[in-house]
Amino acid sequence: MSSVVTTTKPQDYGSKTKTVWIVASALAVLTVVEYSIALNVANPLLFLVPFVVAKGLLIMDSFMHVRKVLSRGTHS
């Protein structure tokens, strides 16, 4: 059994931190929009579906690295 070890260089931390803050901010904005739609629309299900899908895709791509796994077959 082989294992792949990857390391993050110190100069990469700033870039990764910036990406995490951007994604977290986008998720917060989407959550606020979802909340306001849920309060103001009588039957909000159809209006909320695109926001739920967008948030799911952001989470899977940014934090779960699904795109990297699918394209390269590894999580590196």
N, C-alpha and C. Protein backbone atom coordinates (compact mmCIF):
# COMPACT_ATOMS: atom_id res chain seq x y z
N MET A 1 0.84 -1.17 0.00
CA MET A 1 0.00 0.00 0.00
C MET A 1 0.89 1.24 0.00
N SER A 2 0.62 2.15 -0.91
CA SER A 2 1.43 3.36 -0.98
C SER A 2 0.62 4.54 -0.48
N SER A 3 1.31 5.50 0.04
CA SER A 3 0.64 6.70 0.51
C SER A 3 1.28 7.92 -0.13
N VAL A 4 0.48 8.91 -0.35
CA VAL A 4 0.95 10.15 -0.93
C VAL A 4 0.97 11.20 0.17
N VAL A 5 2.10 11.83 0.35
CA VAL A 5 2.23 12.86 1.36
C VAL A 5 2.46 14.19 0.64
N THR A 6 1.59 15.14 0.92
CA THR A 6 1.77 16.46 0.35
C THR A 6 1.91 17.46 1.49
N THR A 7 2.66 18.48 1.24
CA THR A 7 2.84 19.51 2.24
C THR A 7 2.43 20.85 1.66
N THR A 8 2.00 21.71 2.52
CA THR A 8 1.66 23.06 2.11
C THR A 8 2.79 23.98 2.51
N LYS A 9 3.29 24.72 1.57
CA LYS A 9 4.38 25.64 1.84
C LYS A 9 3.85 26.86 2.58
N PRO A 10 4.66 27.47 3.43
CA PRO A 10 4.19 28.64 4.17
C PRO A 10 3.66 29.77 3.29
N GLN A 11 4.22 29.95 2.09
CA GLN A 11 3.73 31.02 1.22
C GLN A 11 2.34 30.71 0.65
N ASP A 12 1.90 29.45 0.72
CA ASP A 12 0.57 29.08 0.23
C ASP A 12 -0.53 29.35 1.24
N TYR A 13 -0.19 29.51 2.52
CA TYR A 13 -1.19 29.71 3.55
C TYR A 13 -2.02 30.97 3.34
N GLY A 14 -1.39 32.05 2.94
CA GLY A 14 -2.11 33.30 2.71
C GLY A 14 -3.14 33.16 1.61
N SER A 15 -2.79 32.49 0.54
CA SER A 15 -3.70 32.27 -0.57
C SER A 15 -4.87 31.39 -0.16
N LYS A 16 -4.58 30.33 0.57
CA LYS A 16 -5.63 29.42 1.00
C LYS A 16 -6.55 30.09 2.03
N THR A 17 -5.98 30.88 2.91
CA THR A 17 -6.78 31.59 3.90
C THR A 17 -7.70 32.59 3.22
N LYS A 18 -7.19 33.29 2.22
CA LYS A 18 -8.01 34.25 1.49
C LYS A 18 -9.17 33.55 0.81
N THR A 19 -8.91 32.40 0.21
CA THR A 19 -9.97 31.63 -0.46
C THR A 19 -11.03 31.19 0.54
N VAL A 20 -10.62 30.72 1.69
CA VAL A 20 -11.57 30.29 2.72
C VAL A 20 -12.46 31.45 3.16
N TRP A 21 -11.88 32.63 3.35
CA TRP A 21 -12.67 33.79 3.76
C TRP A 21 -13.64 34.23 2.66
N ILE A 22 -13.22 34.15 1.42
CA ILE A 22 -14.12 34.52 0.31
C ILE A 22 -15.29 33.56 0.24
N VAL A 23 -15.01 32.27 0.35
CA VAL A 23 -16.09 31.27 0.29
C VAL A 23 -17.01 31.40 1.50
N ALA A 24 -16.44 31.59 2.67
CA ALA A 24 -17.26 31.75 3.87
C ALA A 24 -18.14 33.00 3.76
N SER A 25 -17.62 34.06 3.19
CA SER A 25 -18.42 35.28 3.00
C SER A 25 -19.54 35.04 1.99
N ALA A 26 -19.24 34.34 0.92
CA ALA A 26 -20.26 34.02 -0.08
C ALA A 26 -21.37 33.16 0.54
N LEU A 27 -20.98 32.20 1.36
CA LEU A 27 -21.97 31.36 2.04
C LEU A 27 -22.83 32.19 3.00
N ALA A 28 -22.22 33.14 3.68
CA ALA A 28 -22.97 34.00 4.59
C ALA A 28 -23.97 34.86 3.83
N VAL A 29 -23.55 35.42 2.71
CA VAL A 29 -24.45 36.24 1.90
C VAL A 29 -25.61 35.39 1.38
N LEU A 30 -25.32 34.20 0.88
CA LEU A 30 -26.38 33.32 0.38
C LEU A 30 -27.34 32.95 1.51
N THR A 31 -26.83 32.75 2.70
CA THR A 31 -27.68 32.42 3.85
C THR A 31 -28.61 33.58 4.20
N VAL A 32 -28.09 34.79 4.17
CA VAL A 32 -28.93 35.96 4.45
C VAL A 32 -30.02 36.11 3.40
N VAL A 33 -29.67 35.90 2.14
CA VAL A 33 -30.66 35.98 1.06
C VAL A 33 -31.72 34.89 1.24
N GLU A 34 -31.28 33.67 1.56
CA GLU A 34 -32.23 32.57 1.80
C GLU A 34 -33.18 32.92 2.94
N TYR A 35 -32.64 33.44 4.00
CA TYR A 35 -33.45 33.78 5.17
C TYR A 35 -34.50 34.84 4.82
N SER A 36 -34.08 35.87 4.09
CA SER A 36 -35.03 36.92 3.73
C SER A 36 -36.11 36.39 2.78
N ILE A 37 -35.73 35.50 1.86
CA ILE A 37 -36.74 34.91 0.98
C ILE A 37 -37.71 34.06 1.79
N ALA A 38 -37.19 33.27 2.71
CA ALA A 38 -38.04 32.40 3.52
C ALA A 38 -39.04 33.20 4.35
N LEU A 39 -38.64 34.38 4.79
CA LEU A 39 -39.55 35.20 5.59
C LEU A 39 -40.58 35.94 4.75
N ASN A 40 -40.23 36.30 3.53
CA ASN A 40 -41.08 37.19 2.75
C ASN A 40 -41.89 36.52 1.65
N VAL A 41 -41.63 35.27 1.34
CA VAL A 41 -42.35 34.59 0.27
C VAL A 41 -43.25 33.53 0.89
N ALA A 42 -44.48 33.47 0.41
CA ALA A 42 -45.46 32.55 0.99
C ALA A 42 -45.06 31.09 0.81
N ASN A 43 -44.66 30.70 -0.39
CA ASN A 43 -44.24 29.33 -0.66
C ASN A 43 -42.82 29.38 -1.25
N PRO A 44 -41.79 29.42 -0.41
CA PRO A 44 -40.44 29.75 -0.88
C PRO A 44 -39.63 28.59 -1.46
N LEU A 45 -40.19 27.38 -1.50
CA LEU A 45 -39.39 26.22 -1.88
C LEU A 45 -38.70 26.39 -3.23
N LEU A 46 -39.43 26.76 -4.25
CA LEU A 46 -38.83 26.89 -5.58
C LEU A 46 -37.82 28.02 -5.66
N PHE A 47 -38.01 29.04 -4.86
CA PHE A 47 -37.06 30.16 -4.84
C PHE A 47 -35.77 29.80 -4.11
N LEU A 48 -35.86 28.88 -3.14
CA LEU A 48 -34.70 28.54 -2.32
C LEU A 48 -33.81 27.47 -2.94
N VAL A 49 -34.35 26.65 -3.82
CA VAL A 49 -33.58 25.54 -4.40
C VAL A 49 -32.28 26.02 -5.06
N PRO A 50 -32.27 27.06 -5.89
CA PRO A 50 -30.99 27.48 -6.49
C PRO A 50 -29.94 27.90 -5.46
N PHE A 51 -30.38 28.51 -4.37
CA PHE A 51 -29.44 28.93 -3.33
C PHE A 51 -28.86 27.73 -2.59
N VAL A 52 -29.70 26.74 -2.33
CA VAL A 52 -29.24 25.52 -1.66
C VAL A 52 -28.22 24.79 -2.54
N VAL A 53 -28.52 24.70 -3.84
CA VAL A 53 -27.59 24.05 -4.77
C VAL A 53 -26.28 24.82 -4.85
N ALA A 54 -26.35 26.14 -4.93
CA ALA A 54 -25.14 26.96 -5.01
C ALA A 54 -24.28 26.79 -3.75
N LYS A 55 -24.91 26.79 -2.59
CA LYS A 55 -24.16 26.61 -1.35
C LYS A 55 -23.54 25.21 -1.29
N GLY A 56 -24.27 24.21 -1.72
CA GLY A 56 -23.73 22.86 -1.72
C GLY A 56 -22.53 22.73 -2.64
N LEU A 57 -22.62 23.33 -3.82
CA LEU A 57 -21.49 23.28 -4.76
C LEU A 57 -20.28 24.02 -4.22
N LEU A 58 -20.50 25.16 -3.59
CA LEU A 58 -19.39 25.91 -2.98
C LEU A 58 -18.69 25.08 -1.90
N ILE A 59 -19.48 24.45 -1.06
CA ILE A 59 -18.92 23.65 0.03
C ILE A 59 -18.16 22.45 -0.52
N MET A 60 -18.77 21.75 -1.48
CA MET A 60 -18.11 20.56 -2.04
C MET A 60 -16.83 20.92 -2.77
N ASP A 61 -16.81 22.04 -3.47
CA ASP A 61 -15.63 22.41 -4.23
C ASP A 61 -14.53 22.97 -3.33
N SER A 62 -14.90 23.85 -2.42
CA SER A 62 -13.89 24.55 -1.63
C SER A 62 -13.38 23.77 -0.43
N PHE A 63 -14.27 23.11 0.29
CA PHE A 63 -13.87 22.46 1.53
C PHE A 63 -13.71 20.95 1.40
N MET A 64 -14.42 20.34 0.47
CA MET A 64 -14.33 18.88 0.29
C MET A 64 -13.45 18.52 -0.91
N HIS A 65 -13.07 19.51 -1.72
CA HIS A 65 -12.16 19.35 -2.86
C HIS A 65 -12.63 18.31 -3.87
N VAL A 66 -13.93 18.27 -4.11
CA VAL A 66 -14.51 17.28 -5.02
C VAL A 66 -13.97 17.44 -6.44
N ARG A 67 -13.83 18.66 -6.90
CA ARG A 67 -13.32 18.88 -8.26
C ARG A 67 -11.91 18.32 -8.42
N LYS A 68 -11.06 18.51 -7.43
CA LYS A 68 -9.70 17.98 -7.51
C LYS A 68 -9.71 16.46 -7.52
N VAL A 69 -10.54 15.86 -6.70
CA VAL A 69 -10.61 14.40 -6.64
C VAL A 69 -11.11 13.84 -7.97
N LEU A 70 -12.12 14.47 -8.54
CA LEU A 70 -12.66 13.97 -9.80
C LEU A 70 -11.71 14.17 -10.96
N SER A 71 -10.94 15.25 -10.96
CA SER A 71 -10.06 15.51 -12.10
C SER A 71 -8.74 14.74 -12.01
N ARG A 72 -8.18 14.59 -10.84
CA ARG A 72 -6.88 13.93 -10.70
C ARG A 72 -6.95 12.57 -10.03
N GLY A 73 -8.06 12.28 -9.41
CA GLY A 73 -8.19 11.01 -8.74
C GLY A 73 -7.56 10.96 -7.36
N THR A 74 -6.99 12.08 -6.91
CA THR A 74 -6.40 12.13 -5.57
C THR A 74 -6.80 13.43 -4.90
N HIS A 75 -6.64 13.47 -3.63
CA HIS A 75 -6.91 14.69 -2.86
C HIS A 75 -5.57 15.28 -2.46
N SER A 76 -4.94 15.99 -3.38
CA SER A 76 -3.64 16.59 -3.06
C SER A 76 -3.61 18.05 -3.39
